[in-house]
Amino acid sequence: MSKIDFLVIESDAARAESVVAALQFLGYHPQRGEECLVAEESTHAWRAVYVGGVADAAEAERQFALLGAAAAQVPLLAAADSPWAARLGAAGSPFAQRMATIAFPLRYEALAEAMRGLYARLLGSRRGELRFVGESAPMARVNALIRQVAPFDSSVLVLGESGTGKEMVARTIHECSPRRDKPFVAINCGAIPAELLESELFGHEKGAFTGAISARKGRFELAEGGTLFLDEIGDMSLPMQVKLLRVLQERVFERVGGTRSQRCDVRIIAATHRNLEQAIAEGRFREDLYYRLSVFPLELPALRERLDDLPVLIDEFNQRLARRGLSCVRFGASALQALAGYPWPGNVRELSNLVERLAILYPQGEVRAADLPEKYRGQPQPEETRGAALLAMMDARAPAAAVAPAPAPAHDATLLPEGGIDLKDHLADIEVGLIRQALDATGGVVAHAAKLLRMQRTTLVEKLRKYGMQGSLAA
């Protein structure tokens, strides 16, 4: 069961119910403060707090104290008419830079945008600071381009493979721009059916089509004064491309079913993983729209082209996991070497998922090459090759003559590499590899594995604790 992560302080029962329902819809696990007597690490991992009506100040203070140490870092969402809003948002308040307000009646779009803005601000640490992670030469170029284009309203076209962080680039540009105090609104043009995309972008009037029971704002209106991010623009249908081009040229649109023209003031950032020039040649994308969007093209490198950033990316993902209440994961030299040899078809998104997976599997120990999922291990390390001989001898029922000699390694693993080696880590990798093979061969029975390794059972148990390998035991 997921931990409770959002504290709701609200005296008005009806308001509290609507806030809890909206937060659940956004994927949070909220709890009303009046229903919470104690917050424990096993059940709570605070990510944010909402403060609304305060009927009893002493009771509200008790509820606020449930945050504990998290109060120093979590974002705060306050009702615009909350008696605490002015105090918490005052210039000298520690919450001033991580607080947003929402008005009632509560609207899902406003709540979602408020939370997006809060986390964007937190991830950026300080307003206007670059937060796109990477120290390699390709990322230095990307960050330099972001700094150059951010202050202007020029349209930006972000190109790159899936999972390279195109939306993160768009958010960084927005946060570094003069529009940072206005909304950042994102829409995935490929995830919405063509017949509904026009309504999503431009809104609709009541009765415009079946199911339109009330008027609704589109993304252009919601992003007024800010930035509109059009993700997967390459998947947009040709008829919709024509309508979008008109808006980009004239900065005027009408809601679906409406006749009143509305002017818009938004910055456009588009992104796609597709080759738009090829799509133009094949008649699937309008050339005039392409040139309207790509005033400032910005291409993101694939992760395999910036492998120097692996350590800093892992550190960034560990920080995000810590904010969610998960343990950080440590990678040994052999694991980092194996990851550097993997092609990363899923790019940074795949690395993020792997780090989270390993943080769950090895919350206390250090991850080595042998602990990685098989496809990430690459070529066997020298100690793994030598360990094949031990595997061949694991079957005690086989006669000695039946044991085949281990294949000779492709090179002498005892030679010191030109760049040197971390001997302690290298020997630990060898030890861990052989221990794992012994445990696998004996079904996880420590006593039998200790015999194969010619050591005392208590010694092996200590080594299992040292390397965080208790999970290798059968029972």
Protein backbone atom coordinates (compact mmCIF):
# COMPACT_ATOMS: atom_id res chain seq x y z
CA MET A 1 0.00 0.00 0.00
CA SER A 2 1.29 3.47 -0.91
CA LYS A 3 2.26 5.82 1.88
CA ILE A 4 0.12 8.85 2.72
CA ASP A 5 1.89 11.81 1.12
CA PHE A 6 -0.36 14.91 1.21
CA LEU A 7 -1.58 16.58 4.43
CA VAL A 8 -4.92 18.41 4.13
CA ILE A 9 -5.70 21.01 6.82
CA GLU A 10 -9.23 22.26 6.23
CA SER A 11 -12.08 22.94 8.70
CA ASP A 12 -14.78 23.12 6.02
CA ALA A 13 -15.85 19.51 5.44
CA ALA A 14 -17.20 20.14 1.93
CA ARG A 15 -14.02 21.90 0.84
CA ALA A 16 -11.86 19.22 2.42
CA GLU A 17 -13.75 16.52 0.52
CA SER A 18 -13.29 18.29 -2.82
CA VAL A 19 -9.57 18.86 -2.18
CA VAL A 20 -9.00 15.22 -1.21
CA ALA A 21 -10.90 13.98 -4.28
CA ALA A 22 -8.93 16.26 -6.62
CA LEU A 23 -5.59 15.23 -5.11
CA GLN A 24 -6.48 11.56 -5.43
CA PHE A 25 -7.32 12.17 -9.09
CA LEU A 26 -3.84 13.70 -9.53
CA GLY A 27 -2.26 10.55 -8.09
CA TYR A 28 -1.55 11.69 -4.52
CA HIS A 29 -2.54 9.86 -1.33
CA PRO A 30 -3.97 12.63 0.87
CA GLN A 31 -5.17 12.52 4.47
CA ARG A 32 -7.10 15.11 6.45
CA GLY A 33 -5.13 16.37 9.41
CA GLU A 34 -8.07 15.96 11.81
CA GLU A 35 -8.14 12.22 10.98
CA CYS A 36 -4.41 11.81 11.62
CA LEU A 37 -3.23 11.46 15.22
CA VAL A 38 0.35 10.49 14.46
CA ALA A 39 2.48 10.37 11.30
CA GLU A 40 4.89 7.44 11.21
CA GLU A 41 7.71 6.73 8.78
CA SER A 42 6.17 3.38 7.87
CA THR A 43 2.88 4.92 6.75
CA HIS A 44 3.62 8.55 5.86
CA ALA A 45 6.04 10.23 3.46
CA TRP A 46 4.94 13.85 3.14
CA ARG A 47 5.28 15.44 -0.30
CA ALA A 48 3.09 18.51 0.21
CA VAL A 49 0.56 20.19 2.50
CA TYR A 50 -2.69 22.07 1.86
CA VAL A 51 -3.92 24.75 4.28
CA GLY A 52 -7.48 26.09 4.02
CA GLY A 53 -10.02 27.12 6.60
CA VAL A 54 -8.80 27.27 10.22
CA ALA A 55 -11.66 27.14 12.74
CA ASP A 56 -9.47 26.16 15.72
CA ALA A 57 -5.95 27.61 15.57
CA ALA A 58 -4.57 25.24 18.22
CA GLU A 59 -5.93 22.19 16.37
CA ALA A 60 -4.56 23.49 13.05
CA GLU A 61 -1.14 23.92 14.66
CA ARG A 62 -1.29 20.32 15.90
CA GLN A 63 -2.11 19.12 12.42
CA PHE A 64 0.67 21.21 10.89
CA ALA A 65 3.14 19.69 13.37
CA LEU A 66 2.43 16.27 11.81
CA LEU A 67 4.77 17.26 8.99
CA GLY A 68 7.73 17.05 11.35
CA ALA A 69 11.07 17.59 9.60
CA ALA A 70 9.33 17.59 6.20
CA ALA A 71 7.92 21.05 7.00
CA ALA A 72 11.30 22.50 6.08
CA GLN A 73 11.11 21.38 2.46
CA VAL A 74 7.65 20.35 1.25
CA PRO A 75 5.65 22.69 -1.02
CA LEU A 76 2.59 24.36 0.47
CA LEU A 77 -0.76 24.89 -1.23
CA ALA A 78 -3.07 27.42 0.43
CA ALA A 79 -6.65 28.46 -0.19
CA ALA A 80 -6.65 32.08 -1.37
CA ASP A 81 -9.03 33.00 1.47
CA SER A 82 -7.21 31.01 4.16
CA PRO A 83 -6.47 33.08 7.31
CA TRP A 84 -2.96 31.60 7.20
CA ALA A 85 -2.25 32.48 3.55
CA ALA A 86 -0.89 35.97 4.22
CA ARG A 87 1.36 34.82 7.09
CA LEU A 88 2.76 31.79 5.27
CA GLY A 89 3.36 33.74 2.07
CA ALA A 90 4.94 36.79 3.71
CA ALA A 91 8.37 37.88 2.48
CA GLY A 92 10.19 36.62 5.57
CA SER A 93 8.35 33.29 5.74
CA PRO A 94 10.31 30.10 4.94
CA PHE A 95 7.31 29.00 2.84
CA ALA A 96 7.28 32.09 0.62
CA GLN A 97 9.29 30.48 -2.20
CA ARG A 98 7.45 27.16 -2.07
CA MET A 99 3.85 28.26 -1.73
CA ALA A 100 0.98 28.67 -4.19
CA THR A 101 -2.66 29.66 -3.70
CA ILE A 102 -5.84 28.26 -5.23
CA ALA A 103 -9.33 29.74 -5.34
CA PHE A 104 -12.71 28.12 -4.75
CA PRO A 105 -14.79 26.69 -6.27
CA LEU A 106 -11.88 24.35 -6.90
CA ARG A 107 -10.98 23.52 -10.50
CA TYR A 108 -8.88 20.52 -11.42
CA GLU A 109 -6.85 22.46 -14.02
CA ALA A 110 -5.92 25.17 -11.53
CA LEU A 111 -4.90 22.64 -8.87
CA ALA A 112 -2.82 20.61 -11.33
CA GLU A 113 -1.06 23.71 -12.63
CA ALA A 114 -0.39 24.99 -9.11
CA MET A 115 1.30 21.71 -8.16
CA ARG A 116 3.30 21.61 -11.40
CA GLY A 117 4.51 25.13 -10.75
CA LEU A 118 5.47 24.35 -7.17
CA TYR A 119 7.53 21.31 -8.08
CA ALA A 120 9.15 23.12 -11.00
CA ARG A 121 10.20 25.83 -8.56
CA LEU A 122 11.52 23.30 -6.06
CA LEU A 123 13.46 21.31 -8.65
CA GLY A 124 15.00 24.54 -9.85
CA SER A 125 15.95 25.52 -6.27
CA ARG A 126 16.06 29.19 -7.24
CA ARG A 127 13.99 30.99 -9.84
CA GLY A 128 15.81 31.37 -13.13
CA GLU A 129 18.44 28.74 -12.29
CA LEU A 130 19.13 26.04 -14.85
CA ARG A 131 18.09 22.64 -13.59
CA PHE A 132 18.62 20.43 -16.63
CA VAL A 133 21.05 17.89 -15.23
CA GLY A 134 24.32 17.12 -16.99
CA GLU A 135 27.98 18.09 -16.99
CA SER A 136 29.12 16.50 -20.26
CA ALA A 137 30.08 18.54 -23.33
CA PRO A 138 26.77 17.81 -25.15
CA MET A 139 24.76 18.96 -22.13
CA ALA A 140 26.92 22.04 -21.69
CA ARG A 141 25.88 23.02 -25.23
CA VAL A 142 22.21 22.35 -24.49
CA ASN A 143 22.30 24.45 -21.31
CA ALA A 144 24.06 27.26 -23.17
CA LEU A 145 21.31 27.25 -25.83
CA ILE A 146 18.63 27.28 -23.11
CA ARG A 147 20.25 30.33 -21.52
CA GLN A 148 20.36 32.09 -24.88
CA VAL A 149 16.75 31.51 -25.93
CA ALA A 150 14.95 31.67 -22.56
CA PRO A 151 14.71 35.50 -22.27
CA PHE A 152 12.98 35.83 -25.65
CA ASP A 153 9.52 34.80 -26.91
CA SER A 154 10.86 32.94 -29.95
CA SER A 155 9.20 29.59 -30.69
CA VAL A 156 11.41 26.63 -29.79
CA LEU A 157 11.34 23.17 -31.37
CA VAL A 158 12.90 20.53 -29.12
CA LEU A 159 14.06 17.43 -31.00
CA GLY A 160 15.37 14.16 -29.64
CA GLU A 161 14.65 10.50 -29.03
CA SER A 162 11.91 9.40 -26.65
CA GLY A 163 12.99 9.61 -23.02
CA THR A 164 15.68 12.27 -23.47
CA GLY A 165 13.83 14.88 -21.38
CA LYS A 166 12.17 17.16 -23.92
CA GLU A 167 9.46 18.33 -21.51
CA MET A 168 12.12 19.05 -18.88
CA VAL A 169 13.88 21.32 -21.38
CA ALA A 170 10.60 23.13 -22.06
CA ARG A 171 9.99 23.65 -18.33
CA THR A 172 13.56 24.87 -17.86
CA ILE A 173 13.15 27.43 -20.64
CA HIS A 174 9.89 28.60 -19.05
CA GLU A 175 11.43 28.85 -15.57
CA CYS A 176 14.34 30.91 -16.94
CA SER A 177 12.07 33.26 -18.90
CA PRO A 178 10.20 36.47 -17.96
CA ARG A 179 7.01 34.37 -18.18
CA ARG A 180 7.99 32.18 -15.22
CA ASP A 181 5.27 33.70 -12.98
CA LYS A 182 2.60 32.69 -15.51
CA PRO A 183 1.30 29.18 -16.26
CA PHE A 184 3.23 26.42 -17.97
CA VAL A 185 0.66 24.25 -19.76
CA ALA A 186 1.59 21.00 -21.51
CA ILE A 187 -0.43 18.88 -23.91
CA ASN A 188 0.53 15.66 -25.70
CA CYS A 189 -0.76 16.06 -29.24
CA GLY A 190 -0.27 12.37 -29.97
CA ALA A 191 -2.24 11.10 -26.98
CA ILE A 192 -5.50 12.91 -27.78
CA PRO A 193 -7.80 11.76 -30.62
CA ALA A 194 -7.77 14.15 -33.57
CA GLU A 195 -11.47 14.96 -33.19
CA LEU A 196 -10.94 16.08 -29.57
CA LEU A 197 -7.64 17.91 -29.95
CA GLU A 198 -9.24 21.11 -31.28
CA SER A 199 -11.43 21.38 -28.18
CA GLU A 200 -8.46 20.66 -25.91
CA LEU A 201 -6.39 23.41 -27.53
CA PHE A 202 -9.01 26.10 -28.12
CA GLY A 203 -11.85 25.18 -25.72
CA HIS A 204 -15.52 24.91 -26.60
CA GLU A 205 -18.84 26.60 -25.96
CA LYS A 206 -21.83 24.98 -24.30
CA GLY A 207 -23.68 22.74 -26.77
CA ALA A 208 -20.88 22.78 -29.32
CA PHE A 209 -21.11 18.99 -29.57
CA THR A 210 -22.70 16.07 -27.78
CA GLY A 211 -21.49 16.08 -24.19
CA ALA A 212 -20.52 19.76 -24.13
CA ILE A 213 -22.79 20.58 -21.19
CA SER A 214 -20.87 23.74 -20.29
CA ALA A 215 -18.32 26.10 -21.78
CA ARG A 216 -14.70 25.09 -21.25
CA LYS A 217 -11.38 26.86 -21.64
CA GLY A 218 -8.72 25.35 -23.88
CA ARG A 219 -4.99 25.11 -23.30
CA PHE A 220 -4.32 28.39 -25.10
CA GLU A 221 -6.55 30.23 -22.62
CA LEU A 222 -5.14 28.36 -19.63
CA ALA A 223 -1.61 29.27 -20.71
CA GLU A 224 -2.40 32.98 -21.23
CA GLY A 225 0.70 35.04 -20.47
CA GLY A 226 2.80 31.90 -20.01
CA THR A 227 4.11 28.98 -22.05
CA LEU A 228 2.25 26.30 -24.02
CA PHE A 229 4.20 23.08 -24.58
CA LEU A 230 3.01 21.04 -27.57
CA ASP A 231 4.53 17.59 -27.08
CA GLU A 232 4.66 15.06 -29.93
CA ILE A 233 3.71 17.73 -32.46
CA GLY A 234 4.75 15.33 -35.23
CA ASP A 235 1.68 13.19 -34.51
CA MET A 236 -0.82 16.01 -35.12
CA SER A 237 -3.26 15.49 -38.00
CA LEU A 238 -2.98 17.66 -41.12
CA PRO A 239 -6.37 19.42 -40.63
CA MET A 240 -5.36 20.33 -37.08
CA GLN A 241 -1.98 21.57 -38.32
CA VAL A 242 -3.80 24.09 -40.53
CA LYS A 243 -5.81 25.46 -37.58
CA LEU A 244 -2.74 25.64 -35.35
CA LEU A 245 -0.78 27.49 -38.04
CA ARG A 246 -3.47 30.19 -38.21
CA VAL A 247 -3.29 30.75 -34.47
CA LEU A 248 0.51 30.94 -34.51
CA GLN A 249 0.42 33.47 -37.35
CA GLU A 250 -2.43 35.70 -36.13
CA ARG A 251 -2.45 34.94 -32.37
CA VAL A 252 -6.25 34.74 -32.59
CA PHE A 253 -8.56 31.73 -32.11
CA GLU A 254 -12.20 30.84 -31.53
CA ARG A 255 -13.59 28.20 -29.22
CA VAL A 256 -15.26 25.22 -30.87
CA GLY A 257 -18.88 26.19 -31.46
CA GLY A 258 -18.14 29.86 -30.82
CA THR A 259 -17.91 32.90 -33.07
CA ARG A 260 -16.04 35.34 -30.85
CA SER A 261 -12.37 35.72 -31.71
CA GLN A 262 -9.97 35.79 -28.76
CA ARG A 263 -6.42 37.07 -28.79
CA CYS A 264 -3.76 35.02 -27.02
CA ASP A 265 -0.37 35.82 -25.58
CA VAL A 266 1.52 32.57 -25.15
CA ARG A 267 4.99 31.34 -25.92
CA ILE A 268 5.05 28.13 -27.97
CA ILE A 269 7.52 25.32 -27.32
CA ALA A 270 6.97 22.18 -29.40
CA ALA A 271 8.71 18.81 -29.26
CA THR A 272 8.84 15.58 -31.22
CA HIS A 273 10.92 12.45 -31.57
CA ARG A 274 10.03 12.19 -35.26
CA ASN A 275 12.05 13.39 -38.24
CA LEU A 276 9.85 16.30 -39.36
CA GLU A 277 11.83 16.98 -42.54
CA GLN A 278 11.17 13.43 -43.65
CA ALA A 279 7.51 13.80 -42.64
CA ILE A 280 7.31 16.93 -44.81
CA ALA A 281 8.74 15.01 -47.78
CA GLU A 282 6.14 12.29 -47.24
CA GLY A 283 3.29 14.83 -47.01
CA ARG A 284 2.52 14.11 -43.34
CA PHE A 285 3.59 17.48 -41.94
CA ARG A 286 3.14 21.01 -43.25
CA GLU A 287 6.33 22.76 -44.23
CA ASP A 288 4.99 26.21 -43.30
CA LEU A 289 4.09 25.00 -39.80
CA TYR A 290 7.54 23.45 -39.42
CA TYR A 291 9.27 26.75 -40.13
CA ARG A 292 6.86 28.61 -37.87
CA LEU A 293 7.71 26.26 -34.97
CA SER A 294 11.45 25.85 -35.53
CA VAL A 295 12.54 29.44 -35.12
CA PHE A 296 15.01 28.07 -32.56
CA PRO A 297 15.58 24.29 -32.97
CA LEU A 298 17.22 22.54 -30.02
CA GLU A 299 18.30 18.92 -30.35
CA LEU A 300 18.83 16.77 -27.26
CA PRO A 301 21.56 14.14 -27.25
CA ALA A 302 20.70 10.53 -26.51
CA LEU A 303 21.99 9.13 -23.21
CA ARG A 304 24.49 6.91 -25.06
CA GLU A 305 26.07 10.16 -26.35
CA ARG A 306 26.50 11.61 -22.84
CA LEU A 307 27.59 8.64 -20.74
CA ASP A 308 29.82 10.94 -18.67
CA ASP A 309 26.58 12.16 -17.07
CA LEU A 310 25.64 8.75 -15.64
CA PRO A 311 26.92 9.47 -12.09
CA VAL A 312 25.32 12.92 -11.87
CA LEU A 313 22.03 11.63 -13.30
CA ILE A 314 21.97 8.77 -10.79
CA ASP A 315 22.61 11.28 -8.00
CA GLU A 316 19.72 13.45 -9.24
CA PHE A 317 17.34 10.47 -9.33
CA ASN A 318 18.47 9.45 -5.84
CA GLN A 319 17.54 12.92 -4.58
CA ARG A 320 14.09 12.60 -6.14
CA LEU A 321 13.63 9.16 -4.57
CA ALA A 322 14.64 10.57 -1.18
CA ARG A 323 11.97 13.26 -1.49
CA ARG A 324 9.45 10.46 -2.03
CA GLY A 325 10.61 8.57 1.05
CA LEU A 326 12.59 5.85 -0.76
CA SER A 327 16.14 4.83 0.05
CA CYS A 328 19.00 5.90 -2.19
CA VAL A 329 20.89 3.30 -4.20
CA ARG A 330 24.69 3.09 -4.44
CA PHE A 331 26.44 1.75 -7.54
CA GLY A 332 29.83 0.05 -7.40
CA ALA A 333 32.54 0.61 -10.01
CA SER A 334 31.69 -2.62 -11.83
CA ALA A 335 28.00 -1.65 -12.06
CA LEU A 336 28.82 1.81 -13.45
CA GLN A 337 31.17 0.22 -15.96
CA ALA A 338 28.43 -2.16 -17.10
CA LEU A 339 25.88 0.65 -17.39
CA ALA A 340 28.32 2.66 -19.49
CA GLY A 341 28.40 -0.20 -22.01
CA TYR A 342 24.62 -0.39 -22.38
CA PRO A 343 23.03 1.37 -25.43
CA TRP A 344 20.12 2.93 -23.45
CA PRO A 345 17.30 2.80 -26.04
CA GLY A 346 14.95 4.33 -23.45
CA ASN A 347 17.44 7.10 -22.62
CA VAL A 348 17.19 9.06 -19.35
CA ARG A 349 13.67 7.80 -18.63
CA GLU A 350 14.94 4.21 -18.72
CA LEU A 351 17.80 5.09 -16.37
CA SER A 352 15.37 6.75 -13.94
CA ASN A 353 13.20 3.62 -13.90
CA LEU A 354 16.23 1.38 -13.34
CA VAL A 355 17.49 3.48 -10.41
CA GLU A 356 14.06 3.33 -8.74
CA ARG A 357 13.82 -0.43 -9.30
CA LEU A 358 17.25 -1.06 -7.75
CA ALA A 359 16.51 1.31 -4.87
CA ILE A 360 13.57 -0.95 -4.00
CA LEU A 361 15.55 -4.20 -4.42
CA TYR A 362 18.75 -3.08 -2.64
CA PRO A 363 17.75 -0.34 -0.18
CA GLN A 364 20.83 -0.76 2.03
CA GLY A 365 23.50 -2.53 -0.01
CA GLU A 366 25.73 -1.47 -2.88
CA VAL A 367 24.73 -2.56 -6.38
CA ARG A 368 27.42 -4.33 -8.37
CA ALA A 369 27.43 -5.60 -11.94
CA ALA A 370 26.14 -9.03 -10.89
CA ASP A 371 23.11 -7.38 -9.21
CA LEU A 372 21.96 -5.58 -12.37
CA PRO A 373 19.16 -7.02 -14.52
CA GLU A 374 20.72 -9.33 -17.09
CA LYS A 375 20.42 -7.04 -20.11
CA TYR A 376 22.42 -4.30 -18.36
CA ARG A 377 25.36 -6.50 -17.37
CA GLY A 378 27.04 -6.55 -20.79
CA GLN A 379 30.12 -8.73 -21.22
CA PRO A 380 31.11 -10.86 -18.22
CA GLN A 381 33.67 -9.20 -15.95
CA PRO A 382 37.02 -11.01 -15.45
CA GLU A 383 35.98 -12.29 -12.01
CA GLU A 384 32.77 -13.69 -13.47
CA THR A 385 34.76 -15.58 -16.13
CA ARG A 386 37.07 -17.06 -13.53
CA GLY A 387 34.04 -17.94 -11.39
CA ALA A 388 32.79 -20.26 -14.13
CA ALA A 389 35.27 -22.86 -12.86
CA LEU A 390 33.63 -22.74 -9.43
CA LEU A 391 30.20 -23.27 -10.97
CA ALA A 392 31.49 -26.33 -12.78
CA MET A 393 32.63 -27.81 -9.45
CA MET A 394 29.39 -27.04 -7.57
CA ASP A 395 27.75 -30.39 -8.33
CA ALA A 396 29.19 -32.61 -5.57
CA ARG A 397 27.65 -35.67 -7.17
CA ALA A 398 29.76 -35.38 -10.30
CA PRO A 399 33.08 -37.30 -10.36
CA ALA A 400 36.21 -35.17 -10.42
CA ALA A 401 37.12 -36.45 -13.88
CA ALA A 402 33.85 -35.07 -15.26
CA VAL A 403 34.69 -31.51 -14.34
CA ALA A 404 35.65 -29.66 -17.50
CA PRO A 405 38.43 -27.09 -17.27
CA ALA A 406 37.33 -23.48 -17.31
CA PRO A 407 37.90 -21.63 -20.59
CA ALA A 408 40.91 -19.37 -20.53
CA PRO A 409 40.08 -15.70 -20.28
CA ALA A 410 40.49 -13.61 -23.42
CA HIS A 411 43.23 -11.61 -21.68
CA ASP A 412 45.32 -11.86 -18.53
CA ALA A 413 43.04 -10.38 -15.86
CA THR A 414 46.04 -10.05 -13.51
CA LEU A 415 47.57 -7.31 -15.65
CA LEU A 416 47.12 -3.79 -14.30
CA PRO A 417 45.06 -1.60 -16.70
CA GLU A 418 46.76 1.50 -18.06
CA GLY A 419 44.46 3.79 -16.07
CA GLY A 420 44.96 1.88 -12.84
CA ILE A 421 42.28 0.11 -10.80
CA ASP A 422 40.43 0.44 -7.50
CA LEU A 423 41.86 -2.75 -5.98
CA LYS A 424 39.52 -2.85 -2.98
CA ASP A 425 36.42 -2.51 -5.14
CA HIS A 426 37.78 -4.97 -7.70
CA LEU A 427 38.45 -7.65 -5.08
CA ALA A 428 35.04 -7.02 -3.51
CA ASP A 429 33.42 -7.57 -6.91
CA ILE A 430 35.22 -10.89 -7.25
CA GLU A 431 34.15 -11.94 -3.74
CA VAL A 432 30.52 -10.96 -4.29
CA GLY A 433 30.41 -12.79 -7.62
CA LEU A 434 31.73 -16.04 -6.15
CA ILE A 435 29.46 -15.83 -3.09
CA ARG A 436 26.42 -15.36 -5.33
CA GLN A 437 27.41 -18.35 -7.47
CA ALA A 438 27.88 -20.51 -4.38
CA LEU A 439 24.47 -19.47 -3.01
CA ASP A 440 22.80 -20.08 -6.37
CA ALA A 441 24.35 -23.55 -6.62
CA THR A 442 23.20 -24.52 -3.12
CA GLY A 443 19.71 -23.05 -3.29
CA GLY A 444 20.61 -20.27 -0.88
CA VAL A 445 21.65 -22.60 1.95
CA VAL A 446 24.40 -20.67 3.71
CA ALA A 447 26.01 -23.66 5.42
CA HIS A 448 26.44 -25.54 2.10
CA ALA A 449 27.68 -22.41 0.31
CA ALA A 450 30.24 -21.86 3.09
CA LYS A 451 31.61 -25.40 2.53
CA LEU A 452 32.04 -24.74 -1.18
CA LEU A 453 33.88 -21.51 -0.37
CA ARG A 454 36.06 -23.20 2.28
CA MET A 455 35.03 -20.82 5.05
CA GLN A 456 33.11 -20.85 8.32
CA ARG A 457 29.36 -20.32 8.13
CA THR A 458 29.58 -17.36 10.53
CA THR A 459 32.24 -15.75 8.30
CA LEU A 460 29.97 -16.06 5.27
CA VAL A 461 27.04 -14.59 7.21
CA GLU A 462 29.18 -11.57 8.11
CA LYS A 463 30.14 -11.09 4.46
CA LEU A 464 26.48 -11.29 3.43
CA ARG A 465 25.71 -8.50 5.90
CA LYS A 466 28.70 -6.47 4.73
CA TYR A 467 27.58 -6.55 1.09
CA GLY A 468 23.85 -6.22 1.80
CA MET A 469 23.14 -9.66 0.30
CA GLN A 470 20.66 -10.97 2.85
CA GLY A 471 18.07 -10.97 0.07
CA SER A 472 20.04 -13.78 -1.61
CA LEU A 473 19.04 -16.26 1.12
CA ALA A 474 16.30 -18.80 0.49
CA ALA A 475 14.79 -18.38 3.94
